[in-house]
Amino acid sequence: MPFIEKYVKSDGTVVRSHYRWAPGARREMTIVAAVAVAVVAFGHNGGQAAQDTEPRKAPGQYPVLFSENSGRSPRGAEPRPTVSYPIKFDSPKVMVKRPAPAVSYPIDFSTLGSSR
């Protein structure tokens, strides 16, 4: 947003210094500012922390201790299947081995006497 200095038009009108906004930018900035104000206004807990006279207590009793006879596995939680049907996976395709050539040199058919 450029700043335009004070100037005089050719017809004698004095134009004071101002910022020049792009077309529609003022409306968009107003919408962004309104959303930001709404987020700040509704985003916090409403000042309830300042009204509390008692310190907050954690729910439950800490540290949590488990008895030895609680029925749990000593390793912790065991995974359980999430589906009741078997999942079949595609087996990898068996690649048929190509036969290796019997000779390692190129064969020249012209020396064999055939007329190809």
PDB file of N, CA and C in Angstrom:
ATOM      1  N   MET A   1       0.854  -1.145   0.000  1.00  0.00           N
ATOM      2  CA  MET A   1       0.000   0.000   0.000  1.00  0.00           C
ATOM      3  C   MET A   1       0.913   1.225   0.000  1.00  0.00           C
ATOM      4  N   PRO A   2       1.011   1.892  -1.142  1.00  0.00           N
ATOM      5  CA  PRO A   2       1.928   3.035  -1.246  1.00  0.00           C
ATOM      6  C   PRO A   2       1.363   4.291  -0.594  1.00  0.00           C
ATOM      7  N   PHE A   3       2.271   5.117  -0.121  1.00  0.00           N
ATOM      8  CA  PHE A   3       1.904   6.392   0.496  1.00  0.00           C
ATOM      9  C   PHE A   3       2.004   7.473  -0.570  1.00  0.00           C
ATOM     10  N   ILE A   4       0.923   8.210  -0.784  1.00  0.00           N
ATOM     11  CA  ILE A   4       0.881   9.277  -1.790  1.00  0.00           C
ATOM     12  C   ILE A   4       1.051  10.620  -1.072  1.00  0.00           C
ATOM     13  N   GLU A   5       2.044  11.387  -1.488  1.00  0.00           N
ATOM     14  CA  GLU A   5       2.313  12.703  -0.892  1.00  0.00           C
ATOM     15  C   GLU A   5       1.246  13.710  -1.332  1.00  0.00           C
ATOM     16  N   LYS A   6       1.162  14.826  -0.620  1.00  0.00           N
ATOM     17  CA  LYS A   6       0.234  15.904  -0.959  1.00  0.00           C
ATOM     18  C   LYS A   6       0.647  16.505  -2.301  1.00  0.00           C
ATOM     19  N   TYR A   7      -0.350  16.732  -3.189  1.00  0.00           N
ATOM     20  CA  TYR A   7      -0.051  17.321  -4.494  1.00  0.00           C
ATOM     21  C   TYR A   7      -1.240  18.160  -4.958  1.00  0.00           C
ATOM     22  N   VAL A   8      -1.013  18.925  -6.044  1.00  0.00           N
ATOM     23  CA  VAL A   8      -2.043  19.788  -6.614  1.00  0.00           C
ATOM     24  C   VAL A   8      -2.344  19.292  -8.020  1.00  0.00           C
ATOM     25  N   LYS A   9      -3.641  19.079  -8.308  1.00  0.00           N
ATOM     26  CA  LYS A   9      -4.057  18.641  -9.645  1.00  0.00           C
ATOM     27  C   LYS A   9      -3.943  19.788 -10.634  1.00  0.00           C
ATOM     28  N   SER A  10      -4.069  19.474 -11.901  1.00  0.00           N
ATOM     29  CA  SER A  10      -3.940  20.500 -12.938  1.00  0.00           C
ATOM     30  C   SER A  10      -5.072  21.517 -12.891  1.00  0.00           C
ATOM     31  N   ASP A  11      -6.234  21.141 -12.322  1.00  0.00           N
ATOM     32  CA  ASP A  11      -7.342  22.091 -12.218  1.00  0.00           C
ATOM     33  C   ASP A  11      -7.274  22.923 -10.932  1.00  0.00           C
ATOM     34  N   GLY A  12      -6.218  22.734 -10.103  1.00  0.00           N
ATOM     35  CA  GLY A  12      -6.025  23.540  -8.908  1.00  0.00           C
ATOM     36  C   GLY A  12      -6.504  22.868  -7.628  1.00  0.00           C
ATOM     37  N   THR A  13      -7.050  21.675  -7.723  1.00  0.00           N
ATOM     38  CA  THR A  13      -7.527  20.971  -6.540  1.00  0.00           C
ATOM     39  C   THR A  13      -6.341  20.428  -5.754  1.00  0.00           C
ATOM     40  N   VAL A  14      -6.329  20.694  -4.451  1.00  0.00           N
ATOM     41  CA  VAL A  14      -5.255  20.204  -3.584  1.00  0.00           C
ATOM     42  C   VAL A  14      -5.666  18.836  -3.043  1.00  0.00           C
ATOM     43  N   VAL A  15      -4.800  17.869  -3.212  1.00  0.00           N
ATOM     44  CA  VAL A  15      -5.058  16.514  -2.712  1.00  0.00           C
ATOM     45  C   VAL A  15      -4.117  16.284  -1.544  1.00  0.00           C
ATOM     46  N   ARG A  16      -4.689  15.980  -0.381  1.00  0.00           N
ATOM     47  CA  ARG A  16      -3.844  15.752   0.788  1.00  0.00           C
ATOM     48  C   ARG A  16      -3.156  14.388   0.693  1.00  0.00           C
ATOM     49  N   SER A  17      -2.128  14.184   1.499  1.00  0.00           N
ATOM     50  CA  SER A  17      -1.377  12.916   1.471  1.00  0.00           C
ATOM     51  C   SER A  17      -2.256  11.792   2.022  1.00  0.00           C
ATOM     52  N   HIS A  18      -2.083  10.616   1.432  1.00  0.00           N
ATOM     53  CA  HIS A  18      -2.930   9.482   1.812  1.00  0.00           C
ATOM     54  C   HIS A  18      -2.268   8.174   1.369  1.00  0.00           C
ATOM     55  N   TYR A  19      -2.812   7.069   1.859  1.00  0.00           N
ATOM     56  CA  TYR A  19      -2.384   5.749   1.413  1.00  0.00           C
ATOM     57  C   TYR A  19      -3.325   5.294   0.313  1.00  0.00           C
ATOM     58  N   ARG A  20      -2.806   4.679  -0.715  1.00  0.00           N
ATOM     59  CA  ARG A  20      -3.637   4.186  -1.804  1.00  0.00           C
ATOM     60  C   ARG A  20      -3.795   2.674  -1.659  1.00  0.00           C
ATOM     61  N   TRP A  21      -5.021   2.243  -1.451  1.00  0.00           N
ATOM     62  CA  TRP A  21      -5.337   0.822  -1.319  1.00  0.00           C
ATOM     63  C   TRP A  21      -5.673   0.248  -2.686  1.00  0.00           C
ATOM     64  N   ALA A  22      -5.390  -1.009  -2.857  1.00  0.00           N
ATOM     65  CA  ALA A  22      -5.785  -1.695  -4.083  1.00  0.00           C
ATOM     66  C   ALA A  22      -7.298  -1.855  -4.092  1.00  0.00           C
ATOM     67  N   PRO A  23      -7.921  -1.989  -5.271  1.00  0.00           N
ATOM     68  CA  PRO A  23      -9.376  -2.148  -5.309  1.00  0.00           C
ATOM     69  C   PRO A  23      -9.818  -3.390  -4.526  1.00  0.00           C
ATOM     70  N   GLY A  24     -10.735  -3.222  -3.580  1.00  0.00           N
ATOM     71  CA  GLY A  24     -11.245  -4.329  -2.780  1.00  0.00           C
ATOM     72  C   GLY A  24     -10.424  -4.659  -1.556  1.00  0.00           C
ATOM     73  N   ALA A  25      -9.244  -4.049  -1.403  1.00  0.00           N
ATOM     74  CA  ALA A  25      -8.366  -4.387  -0.286  1.00  0.00           C
ATOM     75  C   ALA A  25      -8.919  -3.878   1.043  1.00  0.00           C
ATOM     76  N   ARG A  26      -9.575  -2.750   1.026  1.00  0.00           N
ATOM     77  CA  ARG A  26     -10.127  -2.202   2.269  1.00  0.00           C
ATOM     78  C   ARG A  26     -11.229  -3.113   2.803  1.00  0.00           C
ATOM     79  N   ARG A  27     -12.079  -3.626   1.919  1.00  0.00           N
ATOM     80  CA  ARG A  27     -13.147  -4.545   2.330  1.00  0.00           C
ATOM     81  C   ARG A  27     -12.567  -5.850   2.873  1.00  0.00           C
ATOM     82  N   GLU A  28     -11.570  -6.385   2.181  1.00  0.00           N
ATOM     83  CA  GLU A  28     -10.948  -7.628   2.634  1.00  0.00           C
ATOM     84  C   GLU A  28     -10.264  -7.446   3.984  1.00  0.00           C
ATOM     85  N   MET A  29      -9.596  -6.327   4.175  1.00  0.00           N
ATOM     86  CA  MET A  29      -8.923  -6.071   5.447  1.00  0.00           C
ATOM     87  C   MET A  29      -9.936  -5.933   6.570  1.00  0.00           C
ATOM     88  N   THR A  30     -11.102  -5.343   6.270  1.00  0.00           N
ATOM     89  CA  THR A  30     -12.152  -5.217   7.275  1.00  0.00           C
ATOM     90  C   THR A  30     -12.670  -6.598   7.680  1.00  0.00           C
ATOM     91  N   ILE A  31     -12.837  -7.490   6.724  1.00  0.00           N
ATOM     92  CA  ILE A  31     -13.294  -8.852   7.021  1.00  0.00           C
ATOM     93  C   ILE A  31     -12.262  -9.597   7.859  1.00  0.00           C
ATOM     94  N   VAL A  32     -10.991  -9.480   7.496  1.00  0.00           N
ATOM     95  CA  VAL A  32      -9.926 -10.142   8.257  1.00  0.00           C
ATOM     96  C   VAL A  32      -9.871  -9.610   9.684  1.00  0.00           C
ATOM     97  N   ALA A  33     -10.011  -8.299   9.839  1.00  0.00           N
ATOM     98  CA  ALA A  33      -9.979  -7.713  11.178  1.00  0.00           C
ATOM     99  C   ALA A  33     -11.178  -8.180  12.005  1.00  0.00           C
ATOM    100  N   ALA A  34     -12.349  -8.285  11.383  1.00  0.00           N
ATOM    101  CA  ALA A  34     -13.543  -8.751  12.107  1.00  0.00           C
ATOM    102  C   ALA A  34     -13.383 -10.203  12.545  1.00  0.00           C
ATOM    103  N   VAL A  35     -12.815 -11.030  11.705  1.00  0.00           N
ATOM    104  CA  VAL A  35     -12.570 -12.431  12.077  1.00  0.00           C
ATOM    105  C   VAL A  35     -11.553 -12.509  13.207  1.00  0.00           C
ATOM    106  N   ALA A  36     -10.514 -11.696  13.157  1.00  0.00           N
ATOM    107  CA  ALA A  36      -9.507 -11.700  14.215  1.00  0.00           C
ATOM    108  C   ALA A  36     -10.113 -11.267  15.544  1.00  0.00           C
ATOM    109  N   VAL A  37     -10.977 -10.260  15.527  1.00  0.00           N
ATOM    110  CA  VAL A  37     -11.638  -9.823  16.753  1.00  0.00           C
ATOM    111  C   VAL A  37     -12.545 -10.921  17.287  1.00  0.00           C
ATOM    112  N   ALA A  38     -13.249 -11.631  16.398  1.00  0.00           N
ATOM    113  CA  ALA A  38     -14.125 -12.725  16.821  1.00  0.00           C
ATOM    114  C   ALA A  38     -13.327 -13.861  17.434  1.00  0.00           C
ATOM    115  N   VAL A  39     -12.183 -14.176  16.864  1.00  0.00           N
ATOM    116  CA  VAL A  39     -11.341 -15.242  17.414  1.00  0.00           C
ATOM    117  C   VAL A  39     -10.835 -14.866  18.792  1.00  0.00           C
ATOM    118  N   VAL A  40     -10.411 -13.638  18.965  1.00  0.00           N
ATOM    119  CA  VAL A  40      -9.933 -13.188  20.273  1.00  0.00           C
ATOM    120  C   VAL A  40     -11.074 -13.166  21.277  1.00  0.00           C
ATOM    121  N   ALA A  41     -12.251 -12.727  20.848  1.00  0.00           N
ATOM    122  CA  ALA A  41     -13.384 -12.605  21.766  1.00  0.00           C
ATOM    123  C   ALA A  41     -13.915 -13.966  22.201  1.00  0.00           C
ATOM    124  N   PHE A  42     -14.032 -14.908  21.279  1.00  0.00           N
ATOM    125  CA  PHE A  42     -14.618 -16.206  21.596  1.00  0.00           C
ATOM    126  C   PHE A  42     -13.575 -17.287  21.838  1.00  0.00           C
ATOM    127  N   GLY A  43     -12.316 -16.990  21.624  1.00  0.00           N
ATOM    128  CA  GLY A  43     -11.278 -18.007  21.694  1.00  0.00           C
ATOM    129  C   GLY A  43     -10.785 -18.320  23.088  1.00  0.00           C
ATOM    130  N   HIS A  44     -10.953 -17.444  24.032  1.00  0.00           N
ATOM    131  CA  HIS A  44     -10.449 -17.719  25.373  1.00  0.00           C
ATOM    132  C   HIS A  44     -11.573 -18.221  26.266  1.00  0.00           C
ATOM    133  N   ASN A  45     -11.281 -18.531  27.506  1.00  0.00           N
ATOM    134  CA  ASN A  45     -12.263 -19.149  28.401  1.00  0.00           C
ATOM    135  C   ASN A  45     -13.213 -18.146  29.045  1.00  0.00           C
ATOM    136  N   GLY A  46     -13.213 -16.924  28.673  1.00  0.00           N
ATOM    137  CA  GLY A  46     -14.162 -15.942  29.180  1.00  0.00           C
ATOM    138  C   GLY A  46     -13.783 -15.361  30.530  1.00  0.00           C
ATOM    139  N   GLY A  47     -12.565 -15.517  30.978  1.00  0.00           N
ATOM    140  CA  GLY A  47     -12.136 -14.953  32.239  1.00  0.00           C
ATOM    141  C   GLY A  47     -12.533 -15.775  33.443  1.00  0.00           C
ATOM    142  N   GLN A  48     -12.837 -17.032  33.276  1.00  0.00           N
ATOM    143  CA  GLN A  48     -13.231 -17.878  34.399  1.00  0.00           C
ATOM    144  C   GLN A  48     -12.068 -18.137  35.345  1.00  0.00           C
ATOM    145  N   ALA A  49     -10.861 -18.154  34.833  1.00  0.00           N
ATOM    146  CA  ALA A  49      -9.711 -18.428  35.684  1.00  0.00           C
ATOM    147  C   ALA A  49      -9.539 -17.325  36.732  1.00  0.00           C
ATOM    148  N   ALA A  50      -9.884 -16.101  36.390  1.00  0.00           N
ATOM    149  CA  ALA A  50      -9.753 -15.005  37.345  1.00  0.00           C
ATOM    150  C   ALA A  50     -10.841 -15.078  38.414  1.00  0.00           C
ATOM    151  N   GLN A  51     -11.987 -15.713  38.137  1.00  0.00           N
ATOM    152  CA  GLN A  51     -13.085 -15.796  39.077  1.00  0.00           C
ATOM    153  C   GLN A  51     -12.931 -16.958  40.049  1.00  0.00           C
ATOM    154  N   ASP A  52     -12.114 -17.951  39.716  1.00  0.00           N
ATOM    155  CA  ASP A  52     -11.933 -19.112  40.590  1.00  0.00           C
ATOM    156  C   ASP A  52     -11.204 -18.691  41.864  1.00  0.00           C
ATOM    157  N   THR A  53     -11.773 -19.080  42.997  1.00  0.00           N
ATOM    158  CA  THR A  53     -11.103 -18.783  44.257  1.00  0.00           C
ATOM    159  C   THR A  53     -10.352 -19.999  44.782  1.00  0.00           C
ATOM    160  N   GLU A  54     -10.760 -21.205  44.363  1.00  0.00           N
ATOM    161  CA  GLU A  54     -10.073 -22.423  44.793  1.00  0.00           C
ATOM    162  C   GLU A  54      -9.043 -22.830  43.743  1.00  0.00           C
ATOM    163  N   PRO A  55      -7.926 -23.370  44.201  1.00  0.00           N
ATOM    164  CA  PRO A  55      -6.978 -23.879  43.209  1.00  0.00           C
ATOM    165  C   PRO A  55      -7.562 -25.118  42.531  1.00  0.00           C
ATOM    166  N   ARG A  56      -7.207 -25.312  41.283  1.00  0.00           N
ATOM    167  CA  ARG A  56      -7.737 -26.450  40.530  1.00  0.00           C
ATOM    168  C   ARG A  56      -7.098 -27.739  41.020  1.00  0.00           C
ATOM    169  N   LYS A  57      -7.915 -28.782  41.110  1.00  0.00           N
ATOM    170  CA  LYS A  57      -7.432 -30.094  41.522  1.00  0.00           C
ATOM    171  C   LYS A  57      -7.449 -31.028  40.325  1.00  0.00           C
ATOM    172  N   ALA A  58      -6.459 -31.860  40.246  1.00  0.00           N
ATOM    173  CA  ALA A  58      -6.406 -32.831  39.167  1.00  0.00           C
ATOM    174  C   ALA A  58      -7.444 -33.918  39.426  1.00  0.00           C
ATOM    175  N   PRO A  59      -8.140 -34.383  38.409  1.00  0.00           N
ATOM    176  CA  PRO A  59      -9.134 -35.434  38.615  1.00  0.00           C
ATOM    177  C   PRO A  59      -8.446 -36.757  38.957  1.00  0.00           C
ATOM    178  N   GLY A  60      -8.953 -37.475  39.948  1.00  0.00           N
ATOM    179  CA  GLY A  60      -8.376 -38.765  40.318  1.00  0.00           C
ATOM    180  C   GLY A  60      -7.243 -38.624  41.301  1.00  0.00           C
ATOM    181  N   GLN A  61      -6.615 -39.730  41.553  1.00  0.00           N
ATOM    182  CA  GLN A  61      -5.512 -39.771  42.499  1.00  0.00           C
ATOM    183  C   GLN A  61      -4.244 -40.141  41.745  1.00  0.00           C
ATOM    184  N   TYR A  62      -3.207 -39.368  41.925  1.00  0.00           N
ATOM    185  CA  TYR A  62      -1.951 -39.616  41.242  1.00  0.00           C
ATOM    186  C   TYR A  62      -0.881 -39.917  42.250  1.00  0.00           C
ATOM    187  N   PRO A  63       0.076 -40.759  42.000  1.00  0.00           N
ATOM    188  CA  PRO A  63       0.270 -41.579  40.816  1.00  0.00           C
ATOM    189  C   PRO A  63      -0.700 -42.761  40.800  1.00  0.00           C
ATOM    190  N   VAL A  64      -1.018 -43.233  39.616  1.00  0.00           N
ATOM    191  CA  VAL A  64      -1.919 -44.372  39.463  1.00  0.00           C
ATOM    192  C   VAL A  64      -1.118 -45.640  39.701  1.00  0.00           C
ATOM    193  N   LEU A  65      -1.583 -46.467  40.622  1.00  0.00           N
ATOM    194  CA  LEU A  65      -0.902 -47.722  40.943  1.00  0.00           C
ATOM    195  C   LEU A  65      -1.835 -48.875  40.614  1.00  0.00           C
ATOM    196  N   PHE A  66      -1.299 -49.906  39.986  1.00  0.00           N
ATOM    197  CA  PHE A  66      -2.071 -51.095  39.648  1.00  0.00           C
ATOM    198  C   PHE A  66      -1.655 -52.217  40.585  1.00  0.00           C
ATOM    199  N   SER A  67      -2.625 -52.950  41.071  1.00  0.00           N
ATOM    200  CA  SER A  67      -2.298 -54.079  41.933  1.00  0.00           C
ATOM    201  C   SER A  67      -1.827 -55.251  41.071  1.00  0.00           C
ATOM    202  N   GLU A  68      -1.142 -56.185  41.682  1.00  0.00           N
ATOM    203  CA  GLU A  68      -0.613 -57.336  40.946  1.00  0.00           C
ATOM    204  C   GLU A  68      -1.728 -58.251  40.442  1.00  0.00           C
ATOM    205  N   ASN A  69      -2.858 -58.273  41.101  1.00  0.00           N
ATOM    206  CA  ASN A  69      -3.950 -59.164  40.729  1.00  0.00           C
ATOM    207  C   ASN A  69      -5.028 -58.428  39.937  1.00  0.00           C
ATOM    208  N   SER A  70      -4.667 -57.449  39.187  1.00  0.00           N
ATOM    209  CA  SER A  70      -5.665 -56.686  38.447  1.00  0.00           C
ATOM    210  C   SER A  70      -6.108 -57.394  37.176  1.00  0.00           C
ATOM    211  N   GLY A  71      -5.497 -58.520  36.817  1.00  0.00           N
ATOM    212  CA  GLY A  71      -5.888 -59.267  35.637  1.00  0.00           C
ATOM    213  C   GLY A  71      -5.233 -58.779  34.367  1.00  0.00           C
ATOM    214  N   ARG A  72      -4.342 -57.868  34.473  1.00  0.00           N
ATOM    215  CA  ARG A  72      -3.666 -57.346  33.290  1.00  0.00           C
ATOM    216  C   ARG A  72      -2.382 -58.115  33.020  1.00  0.00           C
ATOM    217  N   SER A  73      -1.997 -58.061  31.795  1.00  0.00           N
ATOM    218  CA  SER A  73      -0.742 -58.686  31.402  1.00  0.00           C
ATOM    219  C   SER A  73       0.414 -57.875  31.991  1.00  0.00           C
ATOM    220  N   PRO A  74       1.498 -58.519  32.389  1.00  0.00           N
ATOM    221  CA  PRO A  74       2.614 -57.745  32.943  1.00  0.00           C
ATOM    222  C   PRO A  74       3.273 -56.842  31.908  1.00  0.00           C
ATOM    223  N   ARG A  75       3.104 -57.144  30.609  1.00  0.00           N
ATOM    224  CA  ARG A  75       3.724 -56.320  29.568  1.00  0.00           C
ATOM    225  C   ARG A  75       2.897 -55.092  29.252  1.00  0.00           C
ATOM    226  N   GLY A  76       1.674 -55.034  29.689  1.00  0.00           N
ATOM    227  CA  GLY A  76       0.810 -53.912  29.344  1.00  0.00           C
ATOM    228  C   GLY A  76      -0.326 -54.399  28.467  1.00  0.00           C
ATOM    229  N   ALA A  77      -0.904 -53.512  27.712  1.00  0.00           N
ATOM    230  CA  ALA A  77      -2.044 -53.858  26.869  1.00  0.00           C
ATOM    231  C   ALA A  77      -1.601 -54.718  25.699  1.00  0.00           C
ATOM    232  N   GLU A  78      -2.397 -55.741  25.409  1.00  0.00           N
ATOM    233  CA  GLU A  78      -2.110 -56.605  24.271  1.00  0.00           C
ATOM    234  C   GLU A  78      -2.981 -56.184  23.100  1.00  0.00           C
ATOM    235  N   PRO A  79      -2.441 -56.253  21.906  1.00  0.00           N
ATOM    236  CA  PRO A  79      -3.237 -55.833  20.750  1.00  0.00           C
ATOM    237  C   PRO A  79      -4.369 -56.821  20.476  1.00  0.00           C
ATOM    238  N   ARG A  80      -5.477 -56.301  20.010  1.00  0.00           N
ATOM    239  CA  ARG A  80      -6.620 -57.128  19.643  1.00  0.00           C
ATOM    240  C   ARG A  80      -6.944 -56.856  18.187  1.00  0.00           C
ATOM    241  N   PRO A  81      -7.444 -57.877  17.479  1.00  0.00           N
ATOM    242  CA  PRO A  81      -7.781 -57.651  16.069  1.00  0.00           C
ATOM    243  C   PRO A  81      -8.966 -56.691  15.948  1.00  0.00           C
ATOM    244  N   THR A  82      -8.950 -55.900  14.920  1.00  0.00           N
ATOM    245  CA  THR A  82     -10.025 -54.936  14.718  1.00  0.00           C
ATOM    246  C   THR A  82     -11.089 -55.457  13.769  1.00  0.00           C
ATOM    247  N   VAL A  83     -10.828 -56.587  13.106  1.00  0.00           N
ATOM    248  CA  VAL A  83     -11.814 -57.195  12.210  1.00  0.00           C
ATOM    249  C   VAL A  83     -11.998 -58.646  12.611  1.00  0.00           C
ATOM    250  N   SER A  84     -13.176 -59.196  12.308  1.00  0.00           N
ATOM    251  CA  SER A  84     -13.455 -60.570  12.699  1.00  0.00           C
ATOM    252  C   SER A  84     -13.317 -61.543  11.533  1.00  0.00           C
ATOM    253  N   TYR A  85     -12.887 -61.103  10.387  1.00  0.00           N
ATOM    254  CA  TYR A  85     -12.740 -61.983   9.231  1.00  0.00           C
ATOM    255  C   TYR A  85     -11.267 -62.004   8.825  1.00  0.00           C
ATOM    256  N   PRO A  86     -10.843 -63.102   8.205  1.00  0.00           N
ATOM    257  CA  PRO A  86      -9.430 -63.158   7.803  1.00  0.00           C
ATOM    258  C   PRO A  86      -9.160 -62.253   6.603  1.00  0.00           C
ATOM    259  N   ILE A  87      -8.015 -61.645   6.606  1.00  0.00           N
ATOM    260  CA  ILE A  87      -7.601 -60.795   5.495  1.00  0.00           C
ATOM    261  C   ILE A  87      -6.603 -61.580   4.667  1.00  0.00           C
ATOM    262  N   LYS A  88      -6.932 -61.773   3.390  1.00  0.00           N
ATOM    263  CA  LYS A  88      -6.042 -62.522   2.502  1.00  0.00           C
ATOM    264  C   LYS A  88      -5.189 -61.537   1.707  1.00  0.00           C
ATOM    265  N   PHE A  89      -3.907 -61.766   1.748  1.00  0.00           N
ATOM    266  CA  PHE A  89      -2.981 -60.946   0.996  1.00  0.00           C
ATOM    267  C   PHE A  89      -2.508 -61.720  -0.217  1.00  0.00           C
ATOM    268  N   ASP A  90      -2.227 -60.993  -1.292  1.00  0.00           N
ATOM    269  CA  ASP A  90      -1.721 -61.647  -2.505  1.00  0.00           C
ATOM    270  C   ASP A  90      -0.329 -62.190  -2.237  1.00  0.00           C
ATOM    271  N   SER A  91      -0.115 -63.418  -2.695  1.00  0.00           N
ATOM    272  CA  SER A  91       1.220 -63.996  -2.541  1.00  0.00           C
ATOM    273  C   SER A  91       2.088 -63.493  -3.683  1.00  0.00           C
ATOM    274  N   PRO A  92       3.376 -63.373  -3.460  1.00  0.00           N
ATOM    275  CA  PRO A  92       4.245 -62.880  -4.529  1.00  0.00           C
ATOM    276  C   PRO A  92       4.284 -63.881  -5.681  1.00  0.00           C
ATOM    277  N   LYS A  93       4.371 -63.377  -6.914  1.00  0.00           N
ATOM    278  CA  LYS A  93       4.410 -64.237  -8.091  1.00  0.00           C
ATOM    279  C   LYS A  93       5.765 -64.925  -8.174  1.00  0.00           C
ATOM    280  N   VAL A  94       5.705 -66.189  -8.550  1.00  0.00           N
ATOM    281  CA  VAL A  94       6.937 -66.955  -8.708  1.00  0.00           C
ATOM    282  C   VAL A  94       7.467 -66.684 -10.110  1.00  0.00           C
ATOM    283  N   MET A  95       8.681 -66.216 -10.179  1.00  0.00           N
ATOM    284  CA  MET A  95       9.300 -65.919 -11.470  1.00  0.00           C
ATOM    285  C   MET A  95       9.938 -67.183 -12.021  1.00  0.00           C
ATOM    286  N   VAL A  96       9.579 -67.518 -13.250  1.00  0.00           N
ATOM    287  CA  VAL A  96      10.165 -68.683 -13.904  1.00  0.00           C
ATOM    288  C   VAL A  96      11.549 -68.284 -14.395  1.00  0.00           C
ATOM    289  N   LYS A  97      12.521 -69.092 -14.059  1.00  0.00           N
ATOM    290  CA  LYS A  97      13.889 -68.783 -14.427  1.00  0.00           C
ATOM    291  C   LYS A  97      14.088 -69.058 -15.915  1.00  0.00           C
ATOM    292  N   ARG A  98      14.632 -68.072 -16.611  1.00  0.00           N
ATOM    293  CA  ARG A  98      14.889 -68.239 -18.032  1.00  0.00           C
ATOM    294  C   ARG A  98      16.128 -69.101 -18.215  1.00  0.00           C
ATOM    295  N   PRO A  99      16.129 -69.961 -19.231  1.00  0.00           N
ATOM    296  CA  PRO A  99      17.315 -70.809 -19.441  1.00  0.00           C
ATOM    297  C   PRO A  99      18.508 -69.957 -19.877  1.00  0.00           C
ATOM    298  N   ALA A 100      19.646 -70.328 -19.371  1.00  0.00           N
ATOM    299  CA  ALA A 100      20.877 -69.634 -19.723  1.00  0.00           C
ATOM    300  C   ALA A 100      21.365 -70.147 -21.081  1.00  0.00           C
ATOM    301  N   PRO A 101      21.974 -69.309 -21.903  1.00  0.00           N
ATOM    302  CA  PRO A 101      22.476 -69.775 -23.202  1.00  0.00           C
ATOM    303  C   PRO A 101      23.612 -70.788 -23.006  1.00  0.00           C
ATOM    304  N   ALA A 102      23.683 -71.733 -23.945  1.00  0.00           N
ATOM    305  CA  ALA A 102      24.695 -72.799 -23.840  1.00  0.00           C
ATOM    306  C   ALA A 102      26.076 -72.311 -24.252  1.00  0.00           C
ATOM    307  N   VAL A 103      26.124 -71.291 -25.115  1.00  0.00           N
ATOM    308  CA  VAL A 103      27.417 -70.768 -25.564  1.00  0.00           C
ATOM    309  C   VAL A 103      27.532 -69.316 -25.144  1.00  0.00           C
ATOM    310  N   SER A 104      28.728 -68.872 -24.957  1.00  0.00           N
ATOM    311  CA  SER A 104      28.935 -67.501 -24.518  1.00  0.00           C
ATOM    312  C   SER A 104      29.496 -66.630 -25.640  1.00  0.00           C
ATOM    313  N   TYR A 105      29.607 -67.170 -26.863  1.00  0.00           N
ATOM    314  CA  TYR A 105      30.137 -66.386 -27.970  1.00  0.00           C
ATOM    315  C   TYR A 105      29.070 -66.296 -29.060  1.00  0.00           C
ATOM    316  N   PRO A 106      29.109 -65.276 -29.905  1.00  0.00           N
ATOM    317  CA  PRO A 106      28.117 -65.171 -30.982  1.00  0.00           C
ATOM    318  C   PRO A 106      28.363 -66.235 -32.063  1.00  0.00           C
ATOM    319  N   ILE A 107      27.304 -66.778 -32.591  1.00  0.00           N
ATOM    320  CA  ILE A 107      27.405 -67.812 -33.629  1.00  0.00           C
ATOM    321  C   ILE A 107      27.323 -67.134 -34.988  1.00  0.00           C
ATOM    322  N   ASP A 108      28.285 -67.420 -35.856  1.00  0.00           N
ATOM    323  CA  ASP A 108      28.316 -66.875 -37.211  1.00  0.00           C
ATOM    324  C   ASP A 108      27.747 -67.949 -38.140  1.00  0.00           C
ATOM    325  N   PHE A 109      26.527 -67.764 -38.639  1.00  0.00           N
ATOM    326  CA  PHE A 109      25.871 -68.774 -39.481  1.00  0.00           C
ATOM    327  C   PHE A 109      26.490 -68.864 -40.884  1.00  0.00           C
ATOM    328  N   SER A 110      27.224 -67.860 -41.319  1.00  0.00           N
ATOM    329  CA  SER A 110      27.815 -67.914 -42.662  1.00  0.00           C
ATOM    330  C   SER A 110      28.929 -68.958 -42.718  1.00  0.00           C
ATOM    331  N   THR A 111      29.553 -69.246 -41.662  1.00  0.00           N
ATOM    332  CA  THR A 111      30.625 -70.248 -41.660  1.00  0.00           C
ATOM    333  C   THR A 111      30.084 -71.659 -41.598  1.00  0.00           C
ATOM    334  N   LEU A 112      28.819 -71.867 -41.317  1.00  0.00           N
ATOM    335  CA  LEU A 112      28.238 -73.198 -41.207  1.00  0.00           C
ATOM    336  C   LEU A 112      27.836 -73.752 -42.596  1.00  0.00           C
ATOM    337  N   GLY A 113      27.894 -72.952 -43.613  1.00  0.00           N
ATOM    338  CA  GLY A 113      27.592 -73.418 -44.956  1.00  0.00           C
ATOM    339  C   GLY A 113      26.135 -73.311 -45.339  1.00  0.00           C
ATOM    340  N   SER A 114      25.348 -72.748 -44.536  1.00  0.00           N
ATOM    341  CA  SER A 114      23.935 -72.609 -44.895  1.00  0.00           C
ATOM    342  C   SER A 114      23.754 -71.315 -45.681  1.00  0.00           C
ATOM    343  N   SER A 115      22.830 -71.325 -46.575  1.00  0.00           N
ATOM    344  CA  SER A 115      22.601 -70.131 -47.388  1.00  0.00           C
ATOM    345  C   SER A 115      21.351 -69.414 -46.890  1.00  0.00           C
ATOM    346  N   ARG A 116      21.549 -68.580 -46.045  1.00  0.00           N
ATOM    347  CA  ARG A 116      20.420 -67.808 -45.487  1.00  0.00           C
ATOM    348  C   ARG A 116      20.323 -66.484 -46.126  1.00  0.00           C
TER     349      ARG A 116
END
